[in-house]
Amino acid sequence: MPNVYQQLCPVLFGAGAADALPEKVQELGGGPVLIICDAGIRAAGIVDKLADALRAAGLDTDIFDEVQADAPDTQIDLAGKLFERKTYKVLVGIGGGSSLDSAKAIAVLAENPGPVSKYFMTWQNGRDVKLILMPTNSGTGSEVTPMCVVHDTVNNIKTGILRPADYAIVDPALTVSAPPKVTAYTGMDALSHAVEAYTCTARNEHSDLLALECVRLIAKNLKTACEDGKNMAARSALSFASNIAGIAFAESSVHAGHAIAHETGVVLEQPHGLICALVTPVVIEYSAPCFPERMVALAEALGVTDATPETAGAKAAEAVRALARELGIPSLKSMGIRREDVVACAAGAVEHNIFINTAPKPTGVPEVAELLGQMYDTY
């Protein structure tokens, strides 16, 4: 059947791309500008340098640096109060996934009355307020996806709003300061996006191409970037991998792995990328019987040279586990988390994540419970 190839916004990619921020802000309408980030990124000096460049270009610029991990709705509503006092023409989200997702949600409140919970699971196109996103790690691909993941603190679940950016600036130089642990976790998040985009029922030939290239780039470069954060070739490869994985799953989907990662991340209070690292091998094994021939290409992208349709799923899964071990990613059991608490997340993973419906075969609570148990037992 016909497929839709979509990229939601233009992307300026490459080392030094961040220098073009003032020019792009002017093109989108000029100031006032609100930069949205977390305190850590601001402390690293990245944000104030960009703010100074905007001000030097004559653009009135403010900074909201109170973003919190997992984008809780309470912080988004707090930022929304800024618009009661001042009208901003352009918002700039700078940082990791939580900052970019927060910026998307805050952009909704720039043009609509709060609270942000009114807009959960709705599509909100921007009108007059423009949004630029600039990632400082290589994981979420949020700059090119419509979804912003928000922590619904009332129900203690991850939900979201669909509000795409108007422009993305992906400068690998902004990722150099990311420490090895963050680099590892975010890289495994990008890998999970690619694997799930490749194995979901909503995939197409375009998303397949992007997903497989992302897998190749991560398999070749993630360990290098963790060992030498200033290696710009590796950083550039990971930035590109994260970006194209975002495009891939934006036009296809994620599925069981992210349903599990969203639920267990909140319930067990664990980083999203850590859960992605642990669940991706299980997702590969679960998906392999549905299309064994396709799994050969996935295994080859992971560096496996002797895969056959019969062995590709197992070999690809083990390649991901081996990479996770090389990166020092811990197991859940090593952190004192009980197996029964992990498996208990099955019902919520199915109930709270509609994209479970794009898994390669019918996947309900019993199947997810089995996947959770395997995730715990096999790493």
Protein backbone atom coordinates (compact mmCIF):
# COMPACT_ATOMS: atom_id res chain seq x y z
CA MET A 1 0.00 0.00 0.00
CA PRO A 2 1.17 3.62 -0.46
CA ASN A 3 3.33 5.09 2.31
CA VAL A 4 3.71 8.63 3.59
CA TYR A 5 7.29 9.90 3.97
CA GLN A 6 7.28 12.76 6.40
CA GLN A 7 9.80 14.98 8.09
CA LEU A 8 8.12 17.35 10.45
CA CYS A 9 10.59 20.24 10.36
CA PRO A 10 13.79 21.38 8.64
CA VAL A 11 17.03 20.25 10.30
CA LEU A 12 20.29 22.18 10.28
CA PHE A 13 22.93 19.53 11.03
CA GLY A 14 26.67 19.67 11.63
CA ALA A 15 29.44 20.98 13.86
CA GLY A 16 29.00 24.71 14.31
CA ALA A 17 25.29 24.65 13.44
CA ALA A 18 24.45 26.26 16.79
CA ASP A 19 26.10 29.48 15.59
CA ALA A 20 23.17 29.95 13.21
CA LEU A 21 20.63 30.25 16.05
CA PRO A 22 20.25 34.07 15.92
CA GLU A 23 19.74 33.97 12.15
CA LYS A 24 17.11 31.23 12.43
CA VAL A 25 15.28 33.06 15.22
CA GLN A 26 15.12 36.16 13.02
CA GLU A 27 13.76 34.10 10.14
CA LEU A 28 11.00 32.71 12.37
CA GLY A 29 9.86 36.08 13.67
CA GLY A 30 12.51 37.49 16.01
CA GLY A 31 12.23 38.28 19.70
CA PRO A 32 11.29 38.16 22.42
CA VAL A 33 12.89 34.72 22.82
CA LEU A 34 12.49 32.25 25.69
CA ILE A 35 15.19 29.60 26.11
CA ILE A 36 14.01 26.45 27.92
CA CYS A 37 16.61 24.20 29.55
CA ASP A 38 17.61 22.52 32.79
CA ALA A 39 20.02 23.84 35.39
CA GLY A 40 22.75 21.37 34.46
CA ILE A 41 22.96 22.44 30.83
CA ARG A 42 22.96 26.06 31.89
CA ALA A 43 25.77 25.41 34.36
CA ALA A 44 27.81 23.88 31.53
CA GLY A 45 27.86 27.29 29.86
CA ILE A 46 26.10 26.29 26.66
CA VAL A 47 22.88 28.19 27.29
CA ASP A 48 24.32 31.54 28.34
CA LYS A 49 26.69 31.53 25.38
CA LEU A 50 23.73 31.10 23.03
CA ALA A 51 21.67 33.67 24.95
CA ASP A 52 24.51 36.18 24.64
CA ALA A 53 24.64 35.57 20.88
CA LEU A 54 20.90 36.20 20.62
CA ARG A 55 21.15 39.40 22.64
CA ALA A 56 24.12 40.56 20.56
CA ALA A 57 21.86 40.20 17.54
CA GLY A 58 19.37 42.54 19.18
CA LEU A 59 16.97 39.83 20.33
CA ASP A 60 15.32 40.22 23.74
CA THR A 61 16.07 36.87 25.41
CA ASP A 62 14.98 35.25 28.70
CA ILE A 63 15.90 31.85 30.15
CA PHE A 64 13.72 29.31 31.97
CA ASP A 65 16.18 26.82 33.46
CA GLU A 66 13.89 24.83 35.77
CA VAL A 67 13.19 21.82 33.56
CA GLN A 68 13.15 18.58 35.54
CA ALA A 69 13.79 14.98 34.53
CA ASP A 70 10.92 13.28 32.69
CA ALA A 71 9.14 16.62 32.12
CA PRO A 72 6.64 16.62 35.02
CA ASP A 73 3.42 18.45 34.25
CA THR A 74 3.85 20.60 37.37
CA GLN A 75 7.01 22.21 35.99
CA ILE A 76 5.43 22.76 32.60
CA ASP A 77 2.51 24.55 34.24
CA LEU A 78 5.01 26.64 36.21
CA ALA A 79 6.69 27.71 32.98
CA GLY A 80 3.30 28.42 31.46
CA LYS A 81 2.79 31.23 33.96
CA LEU A 82 5.58 33.16 32.22
CA PHE A 83 3.21 33.85 29.35
CA GLU A 84 0.87 35.73 31.68
CA ARG A 85 3.55 38.42 31.97
CA LYS A 86 5.22 38.45 28.57
CA THR A 87 4.56 37.38 24.99
CA TYR A 88 7.34 35.43 23.30
CA LYS A 89 7.62 34.96 19.55
CA VAL A 90 10.17 32.14 19.56
CA LEU A 91 10.88 29.41 22.11
CA VAL A 92 14.21 27.58 22.02
CA GLY A 93 14.51 24.22 23.76
CA ILE A 94 18.10 23.23 24.53
CA GLY A 95 19.16 20.01 26.23
CA GLY A 96 18.30 16.35 26.49
CA GLY A 97 14.97 14.69 25.98
CA SER A 98 13.33 16.16 29.06
CA SER A 99 14.24 19.70 28.02
CA LEU A 100 13.09 19.24 24.43
CA ASP A 101 9.86 17.56 25.50
CA SER A 102 9.24 20.26 28.10
CA ALA A 103 9.80 22.93 25.45
CA LYS A 104 7.19 21.32 23.21
CA ALA A 105 4.65 21.20 26.02
CA ILE A 106 5.48 24.75 27.13
CA ALA A 107 4.97 25.88 23.54
CA VAL A 108 1.40 24.59 23.78
CA LEU A 109 0.81 26.76 26.85
CA ALA A 110 2.29 29.76 25.04
CA GLU A 111 -0.83 29.79 22.88
CA ASN A 112 -3.43 28.00 25.00
CA PRO A 113 -4.67 28.29 28.60
CA GLY A 114 -3.36 25.79 31.14
CA PRO A 115 -3.10 23.39 32.75
CA VAL A 116 -1.09 21.31 30.34
CA SER A 117 -3.11 18.22 31.27
CA LYS A 118 -5.96 19.59 29.13
CA TYR A 119 -3.93 18.75 26.05
CA PHE A 120 -2.67 15.24 26.86
CA MET A 121 -2.84 12.95 23.83
CA THR A 122 -3.95 15.70 21.43
CA TRP A 123 -2.24 17.20 18.38
CA GLN A 124 -1.40 20.88 18.86
CA ASN A 125 0.00 22.73 15.87
CA GLY A 126 1.76 25.97 16.67
CA ARG A 127 0.20 29.17 15.38
CA ASP A 128 2.15 32.37 16.01
CA VAL A 129 4.72 31.08 18.52
CA LYS A 130 7.60 29.26 16.84
CA LEU A 131 9.70 26.49 18.41
CA ILE A 132 13.36 25.65 17.76
CA LEU A 133 14.86 22.53 19.35
CA MET A 134 18.59 21.92 19.92
CA PRO A 135 19.61 18.54 21.41
CA THR A 136 22.69 18.27 23.63
CA ASN A 137 22.77 14.49 23.65
CA SER A 138 22.16 11.76 21.09
CA GLY A 139 19.15 9.76 22.15
CA THR A 140 15.59 10.94 21.96
CA GLY A 141 15.40 12.41 18.47
CA SER A 142 12.71 14.62 19.98
CA GLU A 143 13.70 17.50 17.73
CA VAL A 144 12.13 15.70 14.74
CA THR A 145 9.22 13.85 16.34
CA PRO A 146 5.78 15.25 17.16
CA MET A 147 5.42 13.64 20.57
CA CYS A 148 6.56 15.23 23.78
CA VAL A 149 6.55 12.79 26.68
CA VAL A 150 5.20 14.32 29.88
CA HIS A 151 5.01 12.87 33.38
CA ASP A 152 1.38 12.99 34.49
CA THR A 153 2.07 13.39 38.20
CA VAL A 154 -1.57 12.87 39.21
CA ASN A 155 -1.77 9.39 37.70
CA ASN A 156 2.00 8.70 37.85
CA ILE A 157 2.22 7.69 34.21
CA LYS A 158 4.03 8.93 31.13
CA THR A 159 1.69 10.51 28.62
CA GLY A 160 2.21 13.17 26.00
CA ILE A 161 1.15 15.86 23.58
CA LEU A 162 1.87 16.03 19.87
CA ARG A 163 3.46 19.39 19.08
CA PRO A 164 6.24 19.29 16.47
CA ALA A 165 9.04 21.82 16.35
CA ASP A 166 9.27 24.41 13.60
CA TYR A 167 13.04 24.06 13.21
CA ALA A 168 15.78 21.78 14.57
CA ILE A 169 19.46 22.59 15.01
CA VAL A 170 21.58 19.49 15.60
CA ASP A 171 25.15 20.45 16.45
CA PRO A 172 27.28 17.47 17.54
CA ALA A 173 29.62 19.88 19.34
CA LEU A 174 26.86 20.45 21.90
CA THR A 175 27.05 16.78 22.91
CA VAL A 176 30.76 16.74 23.79
CA SER A 177 30.15 17.55 27.45
CA ALA A 178 27.74 14.63 27.94
CA PRO A 179 29.36 12.20 30.41
CA PRO A 180 29.89 8.53 29.49
CA LYS A 181 26.85 7.29 31.42
CA VAL A 182 24.52 9.77 29.73
CA THR A 183 26.09 9.00 26.36
CA ALA A 184 25.55 5.27 26.90
CA TYR A 185 21.95 5.57 28.06
CA THR A 186 20.91 8.02 25.36
CA GLY A 187 22.64 5.99 22.68
CA MET A 188 20.73 2.89 23.73
CA ASP A 189 17.52 4.92 23.61
CA ALA A 190 18.26 5.85 19.99
CA LEU A 191 19.07 2.22 19.23
CA SER A 192 15.73 1.14 20.69
CA HIS A 193 13.91 3.69 18.51
CA ALA A 194 15.54 2.22 15.42
CA VAL A 195 14.91 -1.41 16.38
CA GLU A 196 11.26 -0.79 17.19
CA ALA A 197 10.72 1.32 14.06
CA TYR A 198 12.19 -1.56 12.05
CA THR A 199 10.05 -4.24 13.72
CA CYS A 200 6.68 -2.47 14.12
CA THR A 201 3.68 -3.02 11.86
CA ALA A 202 3.65 0.66 10.77
CA ARG A 203 7.09 0.50 9.16
CA ASN A 204 7.81 1.38 5.53
CA GLU A 205 10.80 1.24 3.20
CA HIS A 206 11.90 4.76 4.11
CA SER A 207 11.77 4.18 7.87
CA ASP A 208 13.59 0.87 7.36
CA LEU A 209 16.50 2.60 5.61
CA LEU A 210 16.84 5.17 8.36
CA ALA A 211 16.46 2.63 11.15
CA LEU A 212 19.12 0.28 9.82
CA GLU A 213 21.59 3.12 9.26
CA CYS A 214 21.00 4.29 12.82
CA VAL A 215 21.75 0.79 14.11
CA ARG A 216 24.98 0.65 12.07
CA LEU A 217 26.16 4.03 13.32
CA ILE A 218 25.47 3.24 16.96
CA ALA A 219 27.07 -0.20 16.79
CA LYS A 220 30.24 1.38 15.36
CA ASN A 221 30.45 4.57 17.40
CA LEU A 222 28.71 4.40 20.79
CA LYS A 223 31.53 2.70 22.68
CA THR A 224 34.08 5.10 21.15
CA ALA A 225 32.08 8.16 22.22
CA CYS A 226 31.72 6.79 25.74
CA GLU A 227 35.47 6.22 25.99
CA ASP A 228 36.48 9.49 24.31
CA GLY A 229 33.78 12.11 24.55
CA LYS A 230 35.77 14.59 22.48
CA ASN A 231 35.95 12.29 19.46
CA MET A 232 33.97 14.46 17.04
CA ALA A 233 33.66 11.77 14.39
CA ALA A 234 31.92 9.49 16.88
CA ARG A 235 29.83 12.32 18.32
CA SER A 236 28.71 13.39 14.84
CA ALA A 237 27.78 9.82 13.94
CA LEU A 238 25.70 9.46 17.10
CA SER A 239 23.98 12.82 16.60
CA PHE A 240 23.03 11.79 13.09
CA ALA A 241 21.93 8.33 14.26
CA SER A 242 19.66 9.79 16.93
CA ASN A 243 18.18 12.27 14.47
CA ILE A 244 17.38 9.75 11.74
CA ALA A 245 16.00 7.28 14.28
CA GLY A 246 13.62 10.03 15.38
CA ILE A 247 12.50 10.54 11.80
CA ALA A 248 12.13 6.75 11.38
CA PHE A 249 9.85 6.18 14.33
CA ALA A 250 7.94 9.43 13.77
CA GLU A 251 6.73 8.02 10.45
CA SER A 252 6.35 4.45 11.72
CA SER A 253 6.15 3.80 15.47
CA VAL A 254 7.73 2.26 18.51
CA HIS A 255 6.00 -0.65 20.22
CA ALA A 256 6.42 -3.10 23.11
CA GLY A 257 9.88 -1.95 24.15
CA HIS A 258 8.83 1.63 24.70
CA ALA A 259 5.58 0.61 26.36
CA ILE A 260 7.74 -1.28 28.85
CA ALA A 261 10.33 1.50 29.15
CA HIS A 262 7.72 4.18 29.82
CA GLU A 263 5.91 2.19 32.49
CA THR A 264 8.89 0.68 34.29
CA GLY A 265 10.83 3.93 34.12
CA VAL A 266 8.13 5.70 36.12
CA VAL A 267 7.17 2.87 38.47
CA LEU A 268 10.72 1.70 39.23
CA GLU A 269 12.21 5.21 38.97
CA GLN A 270 14.91 4.19 36.51
CA PRO A 271 16.40 6.14 33.58
CA HIS A 272 14.60 5.64 30.30
CA GLY A 273 17.78 4.76 28.41
CA LEU A 274 18.75 2.10 30.94
CA ILE A 275 15.44 0.30 30.47
CA CYS A 276 15.76 0.66 26.69
CA ALA A 277 19.15 -1.04 26.84
CA LEU A 278 17.72 -3.99 28.76
CA VAL A 279 14.47 -4.42 26.84
CA THR A 280 15.75 -4.03 23.27
CA PRO A 281 17.33 -7.52 23.07
CA VAL A 282 14.07 -9.03 24.30
CA VAL A 283 12.10 -7.06 21.71
CA ILE A 284 14.40 -8.40 18.99
CA GLU A 285 13.89 -12.00 20.14
CA TYR A 286 10.13 -11.46 20.41
CA SER A 287 9.91 -9.98 16.92
CA ALA A 288 12.28 -12.35 15.11
CA PRO A 289 9.79 -15.17 14.35
CA CYS A 290 7.52 -12.67 12.58
CA PHE A 291 10.06 -11.88 9.85
CA PRO A 292 13.26 -13.96 10.11
CA GLU A 293 14.60 -12.73 6.76
CA ARG A 294 14.42 -9.09 7.88
CA MET A 295 16.29 -9.93 11.05
CA VAL A 296 19.37 -10.85 9.02
CA ALA A 297 19.72 -7.22 7.94
CA LEU A 298 19.28 -6.05 11.53
CA ALA A 299 21.92 -8.49 12.78
CA GLU A 300 24.33 -7.37 10.06
CA ALA A 301 23.77 -3.73 11.02
CA LEU A 302 24.81 -4.70 14.56
CA GLY A 303 28.04 -6.20 13.23
CA VAL A 304 27.02 -9.86 13.12
CA THR A 305 28.67 -11.50 10.10
CA ASP A 306 27.27 -15.04 10.17
CA ALA A 307 23.54 -14.57 10.71
CA THR A 308 20.96 -16.75 8.98
CA PRO A 309 17.18 -16.34 9.09
CA GLU A 310 17.10 -19.02 11.77
CA THR A 311 19.80 -17.47 13.98
CA ALA A 312 19.60 -13.74 13.26
CA GLY A 313 17.20 -12.83 16.05
CA ALA A 314 19.23 -14.53 18.76
CA LYS A 315 22.54 -13.21 17.43
CA ALA A 316 21.23 -9.64 17.09
CA ALA A 317 19.84 -9.73 20.62
CA GLU A 318 23.12 -10.99 22.02
CA ALA A 319 25.02 -8.26 20.13
CA VAL A 320 22.92 -5.63 21.91
CA ARG A 321 23.45 -7.30 25.29
CA ALA A 322 27.19 -7.46 24.64
CA LEU A 323 27.26 -3.75 23.80
CA ALA A 324 25.32 -2.93 26.96
CA ARG A 325 27.81 -4.92 29.04
CA GLU A 326 30.75 -3.16 27.38
CA LEU A 327 29.16 0.17 28.29
CA GLY A 328 28.77 -0.87 31.92
CA ILE A 329 24.98 -0.75 31.95
CA PRO A 330 23.79 -2.44 35.17
CA SER A 331 21.15 -5.13 35.46
CA LEU A 332 17.96 -4.56 37.41
CA LYS A 333 18.81 -7.36 39.82
CA SER A 334 22.21 -5.77 40.55
CA MET A 335 20.34 -2.65 41.70
CA GLY A 336 18.23 -4.65 44.14
CA ILE A 337 15.03 -4.46 42.08
CA ARG A 338 12.82 -7.52 42.52
CA ARG A 339 11.61 -9.59 39.57
CA GLU A 340 8.01 -9.52 40.77
CA ASP A 341 8.03 -5.72 40.84
CA VAL A 342 9.24 -5.64 37.25
CA VAL A 343 6.64 -8.12 36.01
CA ALA A 344 3.92 -6.20 37.87
CA CYS A 345 4.41 -3.35 35.38
CA ALA A 346 2.79 -5.37 32.58
CA ALA A 347 -0.78 -4.13 32.96
CA GLY A 348 0.25 -0.48 33.07
CA ALA A 349 2.55 -0.88 30.07
CA VAL A 350 -0.39 -2.10 27.99
CA GLU A 351 -3.00 0.25 29.41
CA HIS A 352 -0.99 3.47 29.21
CA ASN A 353 0.75 3.11 25.83
CA ILE A 354 -1.38 2.94 22.71
CA PHE A 355 1.60 2.20 20.48
CA ILE A 356 1.69 -1.32 21.92
CA ASN A 357 -0.81 -1.95 19.12
CA THR A 358 1.95 -1.68 16.50
CA ALA A 359 3.91 -4.62 17.93
CA PRO A 360 4.57 -7.24 15.23
CA LYS A 361 2.04 -9.63 16.77
CA PRO A 362 -0.88 -9.24 19.20
CA THR A 363 0.64 -8.16 22.50
CA GLY A 364 -1.43 -7.99 25.66
CA VAL A 365 -0.73 -8.17 29.38
CA PRO A 366 0.37 -11.85 29.41
CA GLU A 367 2.86 -11.27 26.59
CA VAL A 368 4.25 -8.11 28.17
CA ALA A 369 4.58 -9.86 31.54
CA GLU A 370 6.63 -12.55 29.80
CA LEU A 371 8.81 -9.93 28.12
CA LEU A 372 9.39 -8.19 31.45
CA GLY A 373 10.43 -11.46 33.04
CA GLN A 374 12.81 -12.19 30.18
CA MET A 375 14.26 -8.68 30.42
CA TYR A 376 15.03 -9.35 34.08
CA ASP A 377 16.35 -12.89 33.61
CA THR A 378 18.55 -12.48 30.54
CA TYR A 379 20.82 -9.63 31.64
